[in-house]
Structures are given as structure tokens and as C-alpha cells.
């Protein structure tokens, strides 16, 4: 794995997650799953941030523990957040 290329790829993927996709959000609204879509989006963004952080950690055991803790915390937090159509995270 090339660390710099991996970081750039993570940055680009994060950008694609943050950029609003109005058509997708409208479809989620029509299918009555907008809140769930935004919850999954938030979980993915949190996971991507964790990947960026652990990319520099040498110990696999340490990075796994960090990732599990952050993912669980983000999941619990995202369940409490109410999203609106115009809200960005």
C-alpha cells in the first residue's frame, strides 16, 4: 500500500460522501428512509475519519481497538441526531 496515495483516496472518497446528492436524498424521502440514509452516511463518514487516523498507527491491535470504540460511539450518536433535507454534516 502506498500511504500518500491511500490518504488522497480517502480524502476524495470523504469529499464524495460530504457532497450533497439531492437526487439520492429526494429518492430516500420518497421511499421514506431519509433518516436512515443520513444515519448510514454519518456512520460512513465517521469510519472514513477513523481510517485516516489509524493509517499512521503501526500496531494493528491498537488501531482495531480505536476503530471499534469510535464506530460504536458514532453509531450511538448518529441514532440521536435528527436530520433535515438541508442539513450537512
C-alpha atoms as a PDB file:
ATOM      1  CA  UNK A   1       0.000   0.000   0.000  1.00  0.00           C
ATOM      2  CA  UNK A   2       1.220   3.482  -0.855  1.00  0.00           C
ATOM      3  CA  UNK A   3       0.438   5.679   2.177  1.00  0.00           C
ATOM      4  CA  UNK A   4       0.224   9.009   0.348  1.00  0.00           C
ATOM      5  CA  UNK A   5      -1.999   7.614  -2.402  1.00  0.00           C
ATOM      6  CA  UNK A   6      -4.177   5.938   0.241  1.00  0.00           C
ATOM      7  CA  UNK A   7      -4.607   9.252   2.105  1.00  0.00           C
ATOM      8  CA  UNK A   8      -5.513  11.047  -1.128  1.00  0.00           C
ATOM      9  CA  UNK A   9      -8.035   8.324  -1.979  1.00  0.00           C
ATOM     10  CA  UNK A  10      -9.583   8.632   1.490  1.00  0.00           C
ATOM     11  CA  UNK A  11      -9.809  12.410   1.066  1.00  0.00           C
ATOM     12  CA  UNK A  12     -11.547  12.056  -2.295  1.00  0.00           C
ATOM     13  CA  UNK A  13     -13.958   9.442  -1.002  1.00  0.00           C
ATOM     14  CA  UNK A  14     -14.727  11.617   2.036  1.00  0.00           C
ATOM     15  CA  UNK A  15     -15.432  14.516  -0.323  1.00  0.00           C
ATOM     16  CA  UNK A  16     -17.883  12.346  -2.265  1.00  0.00           C
ATOM     17  CA  UNK A  17     -19.665  11.411   0.983  1.00  0.00           C
ATOM     18  CA  UNK A  18     -19.953  15.014   2.187  1.00  0.00           C
ATOM     19  CA  UNK A  19     -21.067  16.464  -1.150  1.00  0.00           C
ATOM     20  CA  UNK A  20     -24.882  16.574  -1.161  1.00  0.00           C
ATOM     21  CA  UNK A  21     -26.587  14.318  -3.688  1.00  0.00           C
ATOM     22  CA  UNK A  22     -30.011  15.914  -3.961  1.00  0.00           C
ATOM     23  CA  UNK A  23     -31.426  13.244  -6.278  1.00  0.00           C
ATOM     24  CA  UNK A  24     -30.426  10.462  -3.899  1.00  0.00           C
ATOM     25  CA  UNK A  25     -31.834  12.352  -0.910  1.00  0.00           C
ATOM     26  CA  UNK A  26     -35.085  13.019  -2.750  1.00  0.00           C
ATOM     27  CA  UNK A  27     -35.373   9.333  -3.596  1.00  0.00           C
ATOM     28  CA  UNK A  28     -34.789   8.453   0.056  1.00  0.00           C
ATOM     29  CA  UNK A  29     -37.540  10.903   1.014  1.00  0.00           C
ATOM     30  CA  UNK A  30     -39.959   9.298  -1.442  1.00  0.00           C
ATOM     31  CA  UNK A  31     -39.084   5.853  -0.111  1.00  0.00           C
ATOM     32  CA  UNK A  32     -39.470   7.059   3.498  1.00  0.00           C
ATOM     33  CA  UNK A  33     -35.894   6.208   4.517  1.00  0.00           C
ATOM     34  CA  UNK A  34     -34.216   9.632   4.555  1.00  0.00           C
ATOM     35  CA  UNK A  35     -33.294   9.479   8.258  1.00  0.00           C
ATOM     36  CA  UNK A  36     -31.800   6.025   7.844  1.00  0.00           C
ATOM     37  CA  UNK A  37     -29.820   7.179   4.801  1.00  0.00           C
ATOM     38  CA  UNK A  38     -28.360  10.081   6.780  1.00  0.00           C
ATOM     39  CA  UNK A  39     -27.547   7.760   9.698  1.00  0.00           C
ATOM     40  CA  UNK A  40     -25.669   5.407   7.374  1.00  0.00           C
ATOM     41  CA  UNK A  41     -23.937   8.406   5.768  1.00  0.00           C
ATOM     42  CA  UNK A  42     -22.793   9.655   9.175  1.00  0.00           C
ATOM     43  CA  UNK A  43     -21.512   6.188  10.102  1.00  0.00           C
ATOM     44  CA  UNK A  44     -19.541   6.012   6.844  1.00  0.00           C
ATOM     45  CA  UNK A  45     -18.040   9.472   7.368  1.00  0.00           C
ATOM     46  CA  UNK A  46     -17.006   8.543  10.897  1.00  0.00           C
ATOM     47  CA  UNK A  47     -15.477   5.310   9.643  1.00  0.00           C
ATOM     48  CA  UNK A  48     -13.537   7.189   6.958  1.00  0.00           C
ATOM     49  CA  UNK A  49     -12.191   9.595   9.576  1.00  0.00           C
ATOM     50  CA  UNK A  50     -11.123   6.605  11.664  1.00  0.00           C
ATOM     51  CA  UNK A  51      -9.354   5.093   8.654  1.00  0.00           C
ATOM     52  CA  UNK A  52      -7.452   8.347   8.177  1.00  0.00           C
ATOM     53  CA  UNK A  53      -6.415   8.361  11.834  1.00  0.00           C
ATOM     54  CA  UNK A  54      -5.360   4.723  12.048  1.00  0.00           C
ATOM     55  CA  UNK A  55      -3.459   4.825   8.779  1.00  0.00           C
ATOM     56  CA  UNK A  56      -0.487   6.250  10.683  1.00  0.00           C
ATOM     57  CA  UNK A  57      -0.659   3.853  13.656  1.00  0.00           C
ATOM     58  CA  UNK A  58       1.845   0.995  13.457  1.00  0.00           C
ATOM     59  CA  UNK A  59       0.170  -1.522  15.784  1.00  0.00           C
ATOM     60  CA  UNK A  60      -2.787  -3.349  14.260  1.00  0.00           C
ATOM     61  CA  UNK A  61      -4.183  -4.224  17.696  1.00  0.00           C
ATOM     62  CA  UNK A  62      -4.189  -0.585  18.767  1.00  0.00           C
ATOM     63  CA  UNK A  63      -5.864   0.594  15.574  1.00  0.00           C
ATOM     64  CA  UNK A  64      -8.526  -2.119  15.810  1.00  0.00           C
ATOM     65  CA  UNK A  65      -9.433  -1.074  19.349  1.00  0.00           C
ATOM     66  CA  UNK A  66      -9.602   2.590  18.341  1.00  0.00           C
ATOM     67  CA  UNK A  67     -11.769   1.791  15.341  1.00  0.00           C
ATOM     68  CA  UNK A  68     -14.219  -0.348  17.317  1.00  0.00           C
ATOM     69  CA  UNK A  69     -14.595   2.293  20.033  1.00  0.00           C
ATOM     70  CA  UNK A  70     -15.121   5.152  17.614  1.00  0.00           C
ATOM     71  CA  UNK A  71     -17.534   3.199  15.434  1.00  0.00           C
ATOM     72  CA  UNK A  72     -19.694   2.246  18.414  1.00  0.00           C
ATOM     73  CA  UNK A  73     -19.665   5.806  19.719  1.00  0.00           C
ATOM     74  CA  UNK A  74     -20.581   7.222  16.309  1.00  0.00           C
ATOM     75  CA  UNK A  75     -23.390   4.714  15.865  1.00  0.00           C
ATOM     76  CA  UNK A  76     -24.941   5.670  19.201  1.00  0.00           C
ATOM     77  CA  UNK A  77     -24.551   9.384  18.469  1.00  0.00           C
ATOM     78  CA  UNK A  78     -25.970   9.146  14.971  1.00  0.00           C
ATOM     79  CA  UNK A  79     -29.093   7.430  16.249  1.00  0.00           C
ATOM     80  CA  UNK A  80     -29.876  10.529  18.330  1.00  0.00           C
ATOM     81  CA  UNK A  81     -29.401  13.047  15.515  1.00  0.00           C
ATOM     82  CA  UNK A  82     -32.407  14.264  13.585  1.00  0.00           C
ATOM     83  CA  UNK A  83     -31.623  15.255  10.015  1.00  0.00           C
ATOM     84  CA  UNK A  84     -33.350  17.703   7.759  1.00  0.00           C
ATOM     85  CA  UNK A  85     -33.087  17.862   3.987  1.00  0.00           C
ATOM     86  CA  UNK A  86     -30.835  20.938   4.041  1.00  0.00           C
ATOM     87  CA  UNK A  87     -28.505  19.819   6.800  1.00  0.00           C
ATOM     88  CA  UNK A  88     -24.866  18.969   6.105  1.00  0.00           C
ATOM     89  CA  UNK A  89     -22.692  17.012   8.446  1.00  0.00           C
END
